[in-house]
Amino acid sequence: MRRRYDTLNVSFLSLIEQIVKRCERSHTPLSFCGEDAGRPVEAICLAAIGLRALSMRPASIGPVKSLLRRVDLGELRQVIHEARDRGEQSVRPSVMAYLRDRPSACA
């Protein structure tokens, strides 16, 4: 199943971003929980589009927190939006290139 479904699919992230904005406007708490929230790359993308509460297994907290501290979420949000504007199906390749180009993010 994982091969056919990518959390970093542009359509899925756009939907989540719309939900985040609506929840912000109505002051409704929102969190994302599950396996994808505990994957560092997925977690930083979710944070970049505005999610501030991620629920994950305790073992995932360290790696996610470490990567979150090393990336600029504003820059990453721009990478995500540019990938969407180019018509890419997934932001994963662009995000991975962004992380590779920043030694501090991969340290």
Protein backbone atom coordinates (compact mmCIF):
# COMPACT_ATOMS: atom_id res chain seq x y z
CA MET A 1 0.00 0.00 0.00
CA ARG A 2 2.80 2.45 0.84
CA ARG A 3 4.08 2.30 -2.74
CA ARG A 4 0.75 3.53 -4.09
CA TYR A 5 0.07 6.23 -1.51
CA ASP A 6 2.36 9.13 -0.66
CA THR A 7 1.54 11.47 2.22
CA LEU A 8 3.54 14.11 0.38
CA ASN A 9 1.19 14.00 -2.59
CA VAL A 10 0.44 17.58 -3.64
CA SER A 11 -3.34 17.09 -3.59
CA PHE A 12 -3.28 15.58 -0.10
CA LEU A 13 -1.05 18.34 1.29
CA SER A 14 -3.24 21.01 -0.33
CA LEU A 15 -6.31 19.50 1.33
CA ILE A 16 -4.57 19.41 4.71
CA GLU A 17 -3.39 23.00 4.26
CA GLN A 18 -6.99 24.10 3.55
CA ILE A 19 -8.16 22.32 6.70
CA VAL A 20 -5.39 23.99 8.73
CA LYS A 21 -6.45 27.44 7.48
CA ARG A 22 -10.12 26.82 8.26
CA CYS A 23 -9.29 25.59 11.73
CA GLU A 24 -7.10 28.64 12.35
CA ARG A 25 -9.94 30.97 11.27
CA SER A 26 -12.44 29.24 13.56
CA HIS A 27 -9.94 28.75 16.42
CA THR A 28 -10.49 25.01 16.25
CA PRO A 29 -7.67 22.79 17.56
CA LEU A 30 -6.24 20.44 14.96
CA SER A 31 -3.74 17.62 15.21
CA PHE A 32 -2.41 14.98 12.87
CA CYS A 33 -1.76 11.57 14.29
CA GLY A 34 -0.53 8.30 12.94
CA GLU A 35 2.49 6.71 11.41
CA ASP A 36 3.13 9.57 8.96
CA ALA A 37 3.25 12.16 11.75
CA GLY A 38 6.23 10.27 13.17
CA ARG A 39 8.26 10.19 9.96
CA PRO A 40 10.71 13.13 10.03
CA VAL A 41 10.32 14.24 6.40
CA GLU A 42 6.54 13.96 6.48
CA ALA A 43 6.41 15.70 9.86
CA ILE A 44 8.42 18.73 8.71
CA CYS A 45 6.18 19.07 5.65
CA LEU A 46 3.06 18.93 7.81
CA ALA A 47 4.59 21.55 10.11
CA ALA A 48 5.55 23.71 7.11
CA ILE A 49 1.93 23.85 5.94
CA GLY A 50 0.77 24.90 9.39
CA LEU A 51 0.09 21.84 11.52
CA ARG A 52 1.35 22.48 15.04
CA ALA A 53 0.22 19.31 16.82
CA LEU A 54 1.59 15.99 15.65
CA SER A 55 0.89 12.78 17.55
CA MET A 56 3.45 9.99 17.17
CA ARG A 57 5.10 7.04 18.85
CA PRO A 58 7.59 8.04 21.56
CA ALA A 59 10.48 6.60 19.53
CA SER A 60 9.73 9.06 16.71
CA ILE A 61 9.85 12.22 18.82
CA GLY A 62 13.65 12.59 18.85
CA PRO A 63 14.24 12.26 15.09
CA VAL A 64 11.28 14.50 14.24
CA LYS A 65 12.26 17.15 16.79
CA SER A 66 15.86 17.09 15.60
CA LEU A 67 14.91 17.72 11.98
CA LEU A 68 12.32 20.36 12.91
CA ARG A 69 15.02 22.32 14.71
CA ARG A 70 17.30 22.28 11.67
CA VAL A 71 14.96 23.44 8.92
CA ASP A 72 13.37 26.78 8.15
CA LEU A 73 9.66 26.00 7.89
CA GLY A 74 9.04 29.15 5.84
CA GLU A 75 11.61 28.07 3.26
CA LEU A 76 10.21 24.56 3.25
CA ARG A 77 6.66 25.88 2.76
CA GLN A 78 7.98 27.77 -0.28
CA VAL A 79 9.56 24.57 -1.64
CA ILE A 80 6.21 22.80 -1.21
CA HIS A 81 4.26 25.57 -2.93
CA GLU A 82 6.75 25.77 -5.81
CA ALA A 83 6.47 22.01 -6.37
CA ARG A 84 2.70 22.35 -6.45
CA ASP A 85 2.90 25.29 -8.86
CA ARG A 86 5.13 23.23 -11.20
CA GLY A 87 2.44 20.56 -11.32
CA GLU A 88 4.42 17.87 -9.50
CA GLN A 89 2.40 14.97 -8.09
CA SER A 90 4.53 14.71 -4.95
CA VAL A 91 6.64 17.26 -3.13
CA ARG A 92 8.97 14.50 -1.90
CA PRO A 93 11.69 14.96 -4.58
CA SER A 94 11.77 18.74 -4.04
CA VAL A 95 11.82 18.40 -0.26
CA MET A 96 14.61 15.82 -0.39
CA ALA A 97 16.64 18.12 -2.69
CA TYR A 98 16.05 21.01 -0.26
CA LEU A 99 17.31 18.88 2.63
CA ARG A 100 20.36 17.65 0.68
CA ASP A 101 21.30 21.24 -0.22
CA ARG A 102 21.35 22.24 3.46
CA PRO A 103 24.08 20.42 5.35
CA SER A 104 22.65 21.61 8.67
CA ALA A 105 19.36 19.84 7.91
CA CYS A 106 21.09 16.52 7.26
CA ALA A 107 23.63 16.65 10.07
